[in-house]
Amino acid sequence: MKKHILKLAALHVLATALYIVAVVSLLFSMPRSVDQSNSILLPIGMLLLFVFSALFTGSLVLGRPVLWYLDGKKKEAISLLMASIGMLFVVTLLVFSAAILFATR
């Protein structure tokens, strides 16, 4: 696999991971004392965040491979997509492994 494809995949996965860390940090820092039982705004906001997150992270992981595929660079597009998926899977495994290690202490 070409080096530039691995670099792009790593950049896309890093951007995706940083976005996820930012969203989770924001959600954890929200005040917990807000009465959420009578407000329709929180479910609306959460659904909007979900849709935006799917679009944003989807464009990070799928955007360039789709453009390359449409430009006729099918082999490179598939390689970039597979590298991104593989790296994101490894990052996910590392995060879950860290969570399990810290939970057992």
PDB file of N, CA and C in Angstrom:
ATOM      1  N   MET A   1       0.847  -1.173   0.000  1.00  0.00           N
ATOM      2  CA  MET A   1       0.000   0.000   0.000  1.00  0.00           C
ATOM      3  C   MET A   1       0.896   1.241   0.000  1.00  0.00           C
ATOM      4  N   LYS A   2       0.471   2.244  -0.738  1.00  0.00           N
ATOM      5  CA  LYS A   2       1.279   3.451  -0.847  1.00  0.00           C
ATOM      6  C   LYS A   2       1.287   4.229   0.458  1.00  0.00           C
ATOM      7  N   LYS A   3       2.438   4.882   0.690  1.00  0.00           N
ATOM      8  CA  LYS A   3       2.631   5.615   1.942  1.00  0.00           C
ATOM      9  C   LYS A   3       1.638   6.769   2.099  1.00  0.00           C
ATOM     10  N   HIS A   4       1.335   7.477   0.998  1.00  0.00           N
ATOM     11  CA  HIS A   4       0.430   8.627   1.115  1.00  0.00           C
ATOM     12  C   HIS A   4      -0.988   8.190   1.470  1.00  0.00           C
ATOM     13  N   ILE A   5      -1.370   7.001   1.079  1.00  0.00           N
ATOM     14  CA  ILE A   5      -2.694   6.497   1.435  1.00  0.00           C
ATOM     15  C   ILE A   5      -2.755   6.212   2.935  1.00  0.00           C
ATOM     16  N   LEU A   6      -1.691   5.632   3.474  1.00  0.00           N
ATOM     17  CA  LEU A   6      -1.655   5.370   4.919  1.00  0.00           C
ATOM     18  C   LEU A   6      -1.644   6.665   5.722  1.00  0.00           C
ATOM     19  N   LYS A   7      -0.930   7.671   5.226  1.00  0.00           N
ATOM     20  CA  LYS A   7      -0.907   8.967   5.910  1.00  0.00           C
ATOM     21  C   LYS A   7      -2.284   9.620   5.898  1.00  0.00           C
ATOM     22  N   LEU A   8      -2.971   9.570   4.738  1.00  0.00           N
ATOM     23  CA  LEU A   8      -4.312  10.144   4.657  1.00  0.00           C
ATOM     24  C   LEU A   8      -5.280   9.398   5.570  1.00  0.00           C
ATOM     25  N   ALA A   9      -5.197   8.080   5.585  1.00  0.00           N
ATOM     26  CA  ALA A   9      -6.068   7.290   6.455  1.00  0.00           C
ATOM     27  C   ALA A   9      -5.825   7.650   7.922  1.00  0.00           C
ATOM     28  N   ALA A  10      -4.563   7.765   8.300  1.00  0.00           N
ATOM     29  CA  ALA A  10      -4.230   8.127   9.683  1.00  0.00           C
ATOM     30  C   ALA A  10      -4.751   9.521  10.017  1.00  0.00           C
ATOM     31  N   LEU A  11      -4.649  10.450   9.079  1.00  0.00           N
ATOM     32  CA  LEU A  11      -5.152  11.808   9.295  1.00  0.00           C
ATOM     33  C   LEU A  11      -6.666  11.807   9.458  1.00  0.00           C
ATOM     34  N   HIS A  12      -7.365  11.045   8.623  1.00  0.00           N
ATOM     35  CA  HIS A  12      -8.826  10.970   8.719  1.00  0.00           C
ATOM     36  C   HIS A  12      -9.261  10.344  10.040  1.00  0.00           C
ATOM     37  N   VAL A  13      -8.573   9.288  10.450  1.00  0.00           N
ATOM     38  CA  VAL A  13      -8.914   8.621  11.708  1.00  0.00           C
ATOM     39  C   VAL A  13      -8.595   9.529  12.899  1.00  0.00           C
ATOM     40  N   LEU A  14      -7.490  10.229  12.841  1.00  0.00           N
ATOM     41  CA  LEU A  14      -7.143  11.168  13.911  1.00  0.00           C
ATOM     42  C   LEU A  14      -8.190  12.271  14.023  1.00  0.00           C
ATOM     43  N   ALA A  15      -8.605  12.830  12.892  1.00  0.00           N
ATOM     44  CA  ALA A  15      -9.636  13.875  12.916  1.00  0.00           C
ATOM     45  C   ALA A  15     -10.949  13.326  13.466  1.00  0.00           C
ATOM     46  N   THR A  16     -11.301  12.119  13.083  1.00  0.00           N
ATOM     47  CA  THR A  16     -12.523  11.494  13.589  1.00  0.00           C
ATOM     48  C   THR A  16     -12.431  11.283  15.096  1.00  0.00           C
ATOM     49  N   ALA A  17     -11.309  10.764  15.568  1.00  0.00           N
ATOM     50  CA  ALA A  17     -11.128  10.523  16.999  1.00  0.00           C
ATOM     51  C   ALA A  17     -11.151  11.834  17.786  1.00  0.00           C
ATOM     52  N   LEU A  18     -10.510  12.870  17.262  1.00  0.00           N
ATOM     53  CA  LEU A  18     -10.515  14.166  17.949  1.00  0.00           C
ATOM     54  C   LEU A  18     -11.922  14.756  18.015  1.00  0.00           C
ATOM     55  N   TYR A  19     -12.684  14.591  16.948  1.00  0.00           N
ATOM     56  CA  TYR A  19     -14.075  15.065  16.961  1.00  0.00           C
ATOM     57  C   TYR A  19     -14.874  14.330  18.034  1.00  0.00           C
ATOM     58  N   ILE A  20     -14.706  13.023  18.111  1.00  0.00           N
ATOM     59  CA  ILE A  20     -15.429  12.226  19.099  1.00  0.00           C
ATOM     60  C   ILE A  20     -15.034  12.643  20.514  1.00  0.00           C
ATOM     61  N   VAL A  21     -13.742  12.849  20.747  1.00  0.00           N
ATOM     62  CA  VAL A  21     -13.270  13.297  22.065  1.00  0.00           C
ATOM     63  C   VAL A  21     -13.874  14.660  22.406  1.00  0.00           C
ATOM     64  N   ALA A  22     -13.947  15.560  21.435  1.00  0.00           N
ATOM     65  CA  ALA A  22     -14.514  16.887  21.680  1.00  0.00           C
ATOM     66  C   ALA A  22     -15.995  16.805  22.029  1.00  0.00           C
ATOM     67  N   VAL A  23     -16.751  15.997  21.304  1.00  0.00           N
ATOM     68  CA  VAL A  23     -18.192  15.871  21.582  1.00  0.00           C
ATOM     69  C   VAL A  23     -18.427  15.232  22.946  1.00  0.00           C
ATOM     70  N   VAL A  24     -17.698  14.175  23.251  1.00  0.00           N
ATOM     71  CA  VAL A  24     -17.875  13.506  24.546  1.00  0.00           C
ATOM     72  C   VAL A  24     -17.461  14.437  25.685  1.00  0.00           C
ATOM     73  N   SER A  25     -16.384  15.178  25.504  1.00  0.00           N
ATOM     74  CA  SER A  25     -15.954  16.130  26.535  1.00  0.00           C
ATOM     75  C   SER A  25     -17.015  17.196  26.773  1.00  0.00           C
ATOM     76  N   LEU A  26     -17.622  17.673  25.695  1.00  0.00           N
ATOM     77  CA  LEU A  26     -18.689  18.665  25.819  1.00  0.00           C
ATOM     78  C   LEU A  26     -19.880  18.079  26.564  1.00  0.00           C
ATOM     79  N   LEU A  27     -20.264  16.856  26.222  1.00  0.00           N
ATOM     80  CA  LEU A  27     -21.406  16.230  26.888  1.00  0.00           C
ATOM     81  C   LEU A  27     -21.134  15.960  28.366  1.00  0.00           C
ATOM     82  N   PHE A  28     -19.904  15.578  28.700  1.00  0.00           N
ATOM     83  CA  PHE A  28     -19.571  15.315  30.098  1.00  0.00           C
ATOM     84  C   PHE A  28     -19.471  16.586  30.924  1.00  0.00           C
ATOM     85  N   SER A  29     -19.191  17.706  30.271  1.00  0.00           N
ATOM     86  CA  SER A  29     -19.051  18.953  31.017  1.00  0.00           C
ATOM     87  C   SER A  29     -20.382  19.692  31.173  1.00  0.00           C
ATOM     88  N   MET A  30     -21.436  19.192  30.541  1.00  0.00           N
ATOM     89  CA  MET A  30     -22.746  19.832  30.689  1.00  0.00           C
ATOM     90  C   MET A  30     -23.239  19.664  32.116  1.00  0.00           C
ATOM     91  N   PRO A  31     -23.955  20.656  32.625  1.00  0.00           N
ATOM     92  CA  PRO A  31     -24.461  20.540  34.002  1.00  0.00           C
ATOM     93  C   PRO A  31     -25.479  19.407  34.113  1.00  0.00           C
ATOM     94  N   ARG A  32     -25.370  18.652  35.175  1.00  0.00           N
ATOM     95  CA  ARG A  32     -26.265  17.511  35.386  1.00  0.00           C
ATOM     96  C   ARG A  32     -27.523  17.915  36.174  1.00  0.00           C
ATOM     97  N   SER A  33     -27.565  19.131  36.651  1.00  0.00           N
ATOM     98  CA  SER A  33     -28.684  19.551  37.497  1.00  0.00           C
ATOM     99  C   SER A  33     -29.855  20.115  36.696  1.00  0.00           C
ATOM    100  N   VAL A  34     -29.735  20.164  35.395  1.00  0.00           N
ATOM    101  CA  VAL A  34     -30.814  20.715  34.571  1.00  0.00           C
ATOM    102  C   VAL A  34     -31.977  19.732  34.546  1.00  0.00           C
ATOM    103  N   ASP A  35     -33.184  20.234  34.769  1.00  0.00           N
ATOM    104  CA  ASP A  35     -34.371  19.385  34.722  1.00  0.00           C
ATOM    105  C   ASP A  35     -34.670  19.052  33.264  1.00  0.00           C
ATOM    106  N   GLN A  36     -34.531  17.785  32.916  1.00  0.00           N
ATOM    107  CA  GLN A  36     -34.675  17.370  31.526  1.00  0.00           C
ATOM    108  C   GLN A  36     -36.026  16.727  31.253  1.00  0.00           C
ATOM    109  N   SER A  37     -36.858  16.583  32.255  1.00  0.00           N
ATOM    110  CA  SER A  37     -38.081  15.812  32.096  1.00  0.00           C
ATOM    111  C   SER A  37     -39.136  16.517  31.253  1.00  0.00           C
ATOM    112  N   ASN A  38     -39.181  17.835  31.266  1.00  0.00           N
ATOM    113  CA  ASN A  38     -40.245  18.556  30.564  1.00  0.00           C
ATOM    114  C   ASN A  38     -39.760  19.288  29.323  1.00  0.00           C
ATOM    115  N   SER A  39     -38.515  19.106  28.960  1.00  0.00           N
ATOM    116  CA  SER A  39     -37.975  19.857  27.833  1.00  0.00           C
ATOM    117  C   SER A  39     -37.860  18.977  26.603  1.00  0.00           C
ATOM    118  N   ILE A  40     -38.393  19.450  25.511  1.00  0.00           N
ATOM    119  CA  ILE A  40     -38.277  18.728  24.243  1.00  0.00           C
ATOM    120  C   ILE A  40     -36.972  19.107  23.537  1.00  0.00           C
ATOM    121  N   LEU A  41     -36.330  20.161  24.010  1.00  0.00           N
ATOM    122  CA  LEU A  41     -35.119  20.644  23.344  1.00  0.00           C
ATOM    123  C   LEU A  41     -33.953  19.673  23.455  1.00  0.00           C
ATOM    124  N   LEU A  42     -33.800  19.005  24.577  1.00  0.00           N
ATOM    125  CA  LEU A  42     -32.684  18.074  24.738  1.00  0.00           C
ATOM    126  C   LEU A  42     -32.768  16.900  23.752  1.00  0.00           C
ATOM    127  N   PRO A  43     -33.911  16.225  23.617  1.00  0.00           N
ATOM    128  CA  PRO A  43     -33.971  15.154  22.612  1.00  0.00           C
ATOM    129  C   PRO A  43     -33.764  15.665  21.185  1.00  0.00           C
ATOM    130  N   ILE A  44     -34.285  16.852  20.887  1.00  0.00           N
ATOM    131  CA  ILE A  44     -34.078  17.428  19.557  1.00  0.00           C
ATOM    132  C   ILE A  44     -32.599  17.697  19.335  1.00  0.00           C
ATOM    133  N   GLY A  45     -31.963  18.297  20.326  1.00  0.00           N
ATOM    134  CA  GLY A  45     -30.537  18.586  20.219  1.00  0.00           C
ATOM    135  C   GLY A  45     -29.690  17.340  20.064  1.00  0.00           C
ATOM    136  N   MET A  46     -30.026  16.291  20.812  1.00  0.00           N
ATOM    137  CA  MET A  46     -29.269  15.042  20.731  1.00  0.00           C
ATOM    138  C   MET A  46     -29.437  14.385  19.365  1.00  0.00           C
ATOM    139  N   LEU A  47     -30.641  14.412  18.822  1.00  0.00           N
ATOM    140  CA  LEU A  47     -30.860  13.834  17.502  1.00  0.00           C
ATOM    141  C   LEU A  47     -30.138  14.643  16.431  1.00  0.00           C
ATOM    142  N   LEU A  48     -30.162  15.959  16.552  1.00  0.00           N
ATOM    143  CA  LEU A  48     -29.414  16.803  15.617  1.00  0.00           C
ATOM    144  C   LEU A  48     -27.912  16.535  15.713  1.00  0.00           C
ATOM    145  N   LEU A  49     -27.411  16.382  16.928  1.00  0.00           N
ATOM    146  CA  LEU A  49     -25.999  16.058  17.119  1.00  0.00           C
ATOM    147  C   LEU A  49     -25.664  14.716  16.489  1.00  0.00           C
ATOM    148  N   PHE A  50     -26.546  13.731  16.643  1.00  0.00           N
ATOM    149  CA  PHE A  50     -26.333  12.415  16.046  1.00  0.00           C
ATOM    150  C   PHE A  50     -26.254  12.510  14.524  1.00  0.00           C
ATOM    151  N   VAL A  51     -27.193  13.214  13.917  1.00  0.00           N
ATOM    152  CA  VAL A  51     -27.209  13.347  12.456  1.00  0.00           C
ATOM    153  C   VAL A  51     -25.976  14.106  11.977  1.00  0.00           C
ATOM    154  N   PHE A  52     -25.641  15.217  12.660  1.00  0.00           N
ATOM    155  CA  PHE A  52     -24.450  15.973  12.269  1.00  0.00           C
ATOM    156  C   PHE A  52     -23.188  15.125  12.412  1.00  0.00           C
ATOM    157  N   SER A  53     -23.093  14.378  13.498  1.00  0.00           N
ATOM    158  CA  SER A  53     -21.916  13.536  13.719  1.00  0.00           C
ATOM    159  C   SER A  53     -21.784  12.469  12.641  1.00  0.00           C
ATOM    160  N   ALA A  54     -22.907  11.872  12.252  1.00  0.00           N
ATOM    161  CA  ALA A  54     -22.872  10.868  11.183  1.00  0.00           C
ATOM    162  C   ALA A  54     -22.408  11.490   9.869  1.00  0.00           C
ATOM    163  N   LEU A  55     -22.902  12.668   9.559  1.00  0.00           N
ATOM    164  CA  LEU A  55     -22.485  13.347   8.330  1.00  0.00           C
ATOM    165  C   LEU A  55     -21.008  13.752   8.382  1.00  0.00           C
ATOM    166  N   PHE A  56     -20.592  14.313   9.512  1.00  0.00           N
ATOM    167  CA  PHE A  56     -19.218  14.797   9.636  1.00  0.00           C
ATOM    168  C   PHE A  56     -18.205  13.659   9.580  1.00  0.00           C
ATOM    169  N   THR A  57     -18.419  12.645  10.413  1.00  0.00           N
ATOM    170  CA  THR A  57     -17.465  11.545  10.421  1.00  0.00           C
ATOM    171  C   THR A  57     -17.556  10.717   9.139  1.00  0.00           C
ATOM    172  N   GLY A  58     -18.750  10.618   8.570  1.00  0.00           N
ATOM    173  CA  GLY A  58     -18.891   9.940   7.285  1.00  0.00           C
ATOM    174  C   GLY A  58     -18.122  10.640   6.182  1.00  0.00           C
ATOM    175  N   SER A  59     -18.160  11.965   6.188  1.00  0.00           N
ATOM    176  CA  SER A  59     -17.402  12.705   5.175  1.00  0.00           C
ATOM    177  C   SER A  59     -15.897  12.568   5.390  1.00  0.00           C
ATOM    178  N   LEU A  60     -15.470  12.468   6.656  1.00  0.00           N
ATOM    179  CA  LEU A  60     -14.048  12.275   6.918  1.00  0.00           C
ATOM    180  C   LEU A  60     -13.556  10.918   6.406  1.00  0.00           C
ATOM    181  N   VAL A  61     -14.339   9.884   6.660  1.00  0.00           N
ATOM    182  CA  VAL A  61     -13.906   8.534   6.300  1.00  0.00           C
ATOM    183  C   VAL A  61     -14.237   8.199   4.846  1.00  0.00           C
ATOM    184  N   LEU A  62     -15.371   8.660   4.358  1.00  0.00           N
ATOM    185  CA  LEU A  62     -15.824   8.268   3.024  1.00  0.00           C
ATOM    186  C   LEU A  62     -15.605   9.315   1.932  1.00  0.00           C
ATOM    187  N   GLY A  63     -15.414  10.570   2.315  1.00  0.00           N
ATOM    188  CA  GLY A  63     -15.362  11.651   1.329  1.00  0.00           C
ATOM    189  C   GLY A  63     -14.322  11.469   0.239  1.00  0.00           C
ATOM    190  N   ARG A  64     -13.071  11.383   0.620  1.00  0.00           N
ATOM    191  CA  ARG A  64     -12.000  11.259  -0.373  1.00  0.00           C
ATOM    192  C   ARG A  64     -12.066   9.940  -1.139  1.00  0.00           C
ATOM    193  N   PRO A  65     -12.334   8.795  -0.476  1.00  0.00           N
ATOM    194  CA  PRO A  65     -12.460   7.566  -1.260  1.00  0.00           C
ATOM    195  C   PRO A  65     -13.557   7.632  -2.335  1.00  0.00           C
ATOM    196  N   VAL A  66     -14.676   8.252  -2.013  1.00  0.00           N
ATOM    197  CA  VAL A  66     -15.746   8.380  -3.008  1.00  0.00           C
ATOM    198  C   VAL A  66     -15.289   9.260  -4.162  1.00  0.00           C
ATOM    199  N   LEU A  67     -14.650  10.376  -3.850  1.00  0.00           N
ATOM    200  CA  LEU A  67     -14.149  11.259  -4.915  1.00  0.00           C
ATOM    201  C   LEU A  67     -13.123  10.547  -5.784  1.00  0.00           C
ATOM    202  N   TRP A  68     -12.205   9.825  -5.158  1.00  0.00           N
ATOM    203  CA  TRP A  68     -11.207   9.084  -5.933  1.00  0.00           C
ATOM    204  C   TRP A  68     -11.862   8.007  -6.790  1.00  0.00           C
ATOM    205  N   TYR A  69     -12.849   7.329  -6.236  1.00  0.00           N
ATOM    206  CA  TYR A  69     -13.543   6.277  -6.981  1.00  0.00           C
ATOM    207  C   TYR A  69     -14.240   6.860  -8.204  1.00  0.00           C
ATOM    208  N   LEU A  70     -14.889   7.988  -8.020  1.00  0.00           N
ATOM    209  CA  LEU A  70     -15.577   8.644  -9.141  1.00  0.00           C
ATOM    210  C   LEU A  70     -14.598   9.195 -10.177  1.00  0.00           C
ATOM    211  N   ASP A  71     -13.377   9.517  -9.748  1.00  0.00           N
ATOM    212  CA  ASP A  71     -12.340   9.996 -10.671  1.00  0.00           C
ATOM    213  C   ASP A  71     -11.621   8.858 -11.384  1.00  0.00           C
ATOM    214  N   GLY A  72     -12.012   7.633 -11.102  1.00  0.00           N
ATOM    215  CA  GLY A  72     -11.399   6.489 -11.769  1.00  0.00           C
ATOM    216  C   GLY A  72     -10.246   5.864 -11.009  1.00  0.00           C
ATOM    217  N   LYS A  73      -9.922   6.385  -9.850  1.00  0.00           N
ATOM    218  CA  LYS A  73      -8.839   5.828  -9.033  1.00  0.00           C
ATOM    219  C   LYS A  73      -9.428   4.790  -8.077  1.00  0.00           C
ATOM    220  N   LYS A  74      -9.996   3.747  -8.638  1.00  0.00           N
ATOM    221  CA  LYS A  74     -10.756   2.777  -7.843  1.00  0.00           C
ATOM    222  C   LYS A  74      -9.875   2.011  -6.869  1.00  0.00           C
ATOM    223  N   LYS A  75      -8.695   1.594  -7.312  1.00  0.00           N
ATOM    224  CA  LYS A  75      -7.811   0.822  -6.434  1.00  0.00           C
ATOM    225  C   LYS A  75      -7.357   1.662  -5.243  1.00  0.00           C
ATOM    226  N   GLU A  76      -6.982   2.915  -5.502  1.00  0.00           N
ATOM    227  CA  GLU A  76      -6.552   3.800  -4.421  1.00  0.00           C
ATOM    228  C   GLU A  76      -7.707   4.114  -3.471  1.00  0.00           C
ATOM    229  N   ALA A  77      -8.908   4.300  -4.034  1.00  0.00           N
ATOM    230  CA  ALA A  77     -10.081   4.603  -3.210  1.00  0.00           C
ATOM    231  C   ALA A  77     -10.391   3.462  -2.253  1.00  0.00           C
ATOM    232  N   ILE A  78     -10.368   2.236  -2.766  1.00  0.00           N
ATOM    233  CA  ILE A  78     -10.646   1.075  -1.924  1.00  0.00           C
ATOM    234  C   ILE A  78      -9.548   0.912  -0.872  1.00  0.00           C
ATOM    235  N   SER A  79      -8.294   1.138  -1.275  1.00  0.00           N
ATOM    236  CA  SER A  79      -7.179   1.027  -0.326  1.00  0.00           C
ATOM    237  C   SER A  79      -7.310   2.041   0.808  1.00  0.00           C
ATOM    238  N   LEU A  80      -7.656   3.279   0.466  1.00  0.00           N
ATOM    239  CA  LEU A  80      -7.813   4.320   1.487  1.00  0.00           C
ATOM    240  C   LEU A  80      -8.976   3.987   2.418  1.00  0.00           C
ATOM    241  N   LEU A  81     -10.083   3.540   1.856  1.00  0.00           N
ATOM    242  CA  LEU A  81     -11.233   3.197   2.691  1.00  0.00           C
ATOM    243  C   LEU A  81     -10.905   2.041   3.630  1.00  0.00           C
ATOM    244  N   MET A  82     -10.260   1.015   3.116  1.00  0.00           N
ATOM    245  CA  MET A  82      -9.913  -0.141   3.952  1.00  0.00           C
ATOM    246  C   MET A  82      -8.890   0.238   5.025  1.00  0.00           C
ATOM    247  N   ALA A  83      -7.918   1.082   4.666  1.00  0.00           N
ATOM    248  CA  ALA A  83      -6.929   1.532   5.656  1.00  0.00           C
ATOM    249  C   ALA A  83      -7.603   2.352   6.743  1.00  0.00           C
ATOM    250  N   SER A  84      -8.529   3.216   6.356  1.00  0.00           N
ATOM    251  CA  SER A  84      -9.247   4.034   7.346  1.00  0.00           C
ATOM    252  C   SER A  84     -10.084   3.168   8.266  1.00  0.00           C
ATOM    253  N   ILE A  85     -10.801   2.217   7.696  1.00  0.00           N
ATOM    254  CA  ILE A  85     -11.622   1.320   8.506  1.00  0.00           C
ATOM    255  C   ILE A  85     -10.745   0.505   9.454  1.00  0.00           C
ATOM    256  N   GLY A  86      -9.646  -0.012   8.949  1.00  0.00           N
ATOM    257  CA  GLY A  86      -8.740  -0.799   9.784  1.00  0.00           C
ATOM    258  C   GLY A  86      -8.149   0.011  10.922  1.00  0.00           C
ATOM    259  N   MET A  87      -7.693   1.225  10.620  1.00  0.00           N
ATOM    260  CA  MET A  87      -7.110   2.070  11.664  1.00  0.00           C
ATOM    261  C   MET A  87      -8.159   2.492  12.693  1.00  0.00           C
ATOM    262  N   LEU A  88      -9.374   2.790  12.236  1.00  0.00           N
ATOM    263  CA  LEU A  88     -10.437   3.159  13.165  1.00  0.00           C
ATOM    264  C   LEU A  88     -10.803   1.983  14.060  1.00  0.00           C
ATOM    265  N   PHE A  89     -10.761   0.786  13.515  1.00  0.00           N
ATOM    266  CA  PHE A  89     -11.026  -0.414  14.307  1.00  0.00           C
ATOM    267  C   PHE A  89      -9.946  -0.593  15.378  1.00  0.00           C
ATOM    268  N   VAL A  90      -8.689  -0.381  15.010  1.00  0.00           N
ATOM    269  CA  VAL A  90      -7.584  -0.511  15.973  1.00  0.00           C
ATOM    270  C   VAL A  90      -7.726   0.529  17.084  1.00  0.00           C
ATOM    271  N   VAL A  91      -8.049   1.771  16.718  1.00  0.00           N
ATOM    272  CA  VAL A  91      -8.236   2.822  17.720  1.00  0.00           C
ATOM    273  C   VAL A  91      -9.386   2.447  18.660  1.00  0.00           C
ATOM    274  N   THR A  92     -10.458   1.915  18.100  1.00  0.00           N
ATOM    275  CA  THR A  92     -11.599   1.496  18.909  1.00  0.00           C
ATOM    276  C   THR A  92     -11.198   0.393  19.889  1.00  0.00           C
ATOM    277  N   LEU A  93     -10.451  -0.585  19.407  1.00  0.00           N
ATOM    278  CA  LEU A  93      -9.977  -1.659  20.293  1.00  0.00           C
ATOM    279  C   LEU A  93      -9.079  -1.116  21.393  1.00  0.00           C
ATOM    280  N   LEU A  94      -8.217  -0.176  21.063  1.00  0.00           N
ATOM    281  CA  LEU A  94      -7.332   0.417  22.069  1.00  0.00           C
ATOM    282  C   LEU A  94      -8.119   1.169  23.136  1.00  0.00           C
ATOM    283  N   VAL A  95      -9.144   1.905  22.719  1.00  0.00           N
ATOM    284  CA  VAL A  95      -9.954   2.657  23.682  1.00  0.00           C
ATOM    285  C   VAL A  95     -10.706   1.699  24.594  1.00  0.00           C
ATOM    286  N   PHE A  96     -11.308   0.656  24.023  1.00  0.00           N
ATOM    287  CA  PHE A  96     -12.013  -0.317  24.865  1.00  0.00           C
ATOM    288  C   PHE A  96     -11.047  -1.054  25.784  1.00  0.00           C
ATOM    289  N   SER A  97      -9.861  -1.391  25.301  1.00  0.00           N
ATOM    290  CA  SER A  97      -8.868  -2.049  26.143  1.00  0.00           C
ATOM    291  C   SER A  97      -8.459  -1.147  27.311  1.00  0.00           C
ATOM    292  N   ALA A  98      -8.234   0.128  27.022  1.00  0.00           N
ATOM    293  CA  ALA A  98      -7.886   1.082  28.077  1.00  0.00           C
ATOM    294  C   ALA A  98      -9.033   1.217  29.080  1.00  0.00           C
ATOM    295  N   ALA A  99     -10.259   1.254  28.578  1.00  0.00           N
ATOM    296  CA  ALA A  99     -11.424   1.374  29.473  1.00  0.00           C
ATOM    297  C   ALA A  99     -11.523   0.156  30.382  1.00  0.00           C
ATOM    298  N   ILE A 100     -11.285  -1.011  29.842  1.00  0.00           N
ATOM    299  CA  ILE A 100     -11.339  -2.239  30.658  1.00  0.00           C
ATOM    300  C   ILE A 100     -10.220  -2.243  31.683  1.00  0.00           C
ATOM    301  N   LEU A 101      -9.023  -1.847  31.286  1.00  0.00           N
ATOM    302  CA  LEU A 101      -7.904  -1.806  32.222  1.00  0.00           C
ATOM    303  C   LEU A 101      -8.157  -0.827  33.371  1.00  0.00           C
ATOM    304  N   PHE A 102      -8.675   0.354  33.054  1.00  0.00           N
ATOM    305  CA  PHE A 102      -8.919   1.344  34.096  1.00  0.00           C
ATOM    306  C   PHE A 102     -10.112   0.964  34.961  1.00  0.00           C
ATOM    307  N   ALA A 103     -11.061   0.228  34.412  1.00  0.00           N
ATOM    308  CA  ALA A 103     -12.240  -0.171  35.192  1.00  0.00           C
ATOM    309  C   ALA A 103     -11.900  -1.264  36.195  1.00  0.00           C
ATOM    310  N   THR A 104     -10.888  -2.053  35.896  1.00  0.00           N
ATOM    311  CA  THR A 104     -10.535  -3.159  36.790  1.00  0.00           C
ATOM    312  C   THR A 104      -9.576  -2.741  37.892  1.00  0.00           C
ATOM    313  N   ARG A 105      -9.143  -1.521  37.899  1.00  0.00           N
ATOM    314  CA  ARG A 105      -8.207  -1.059  38.935  1.00  0.00           C
ATOM    315  C   ARG A 105      -8.914  -0.604  40.153  1.00  0.00           C
TER     316      ARG A 105
END
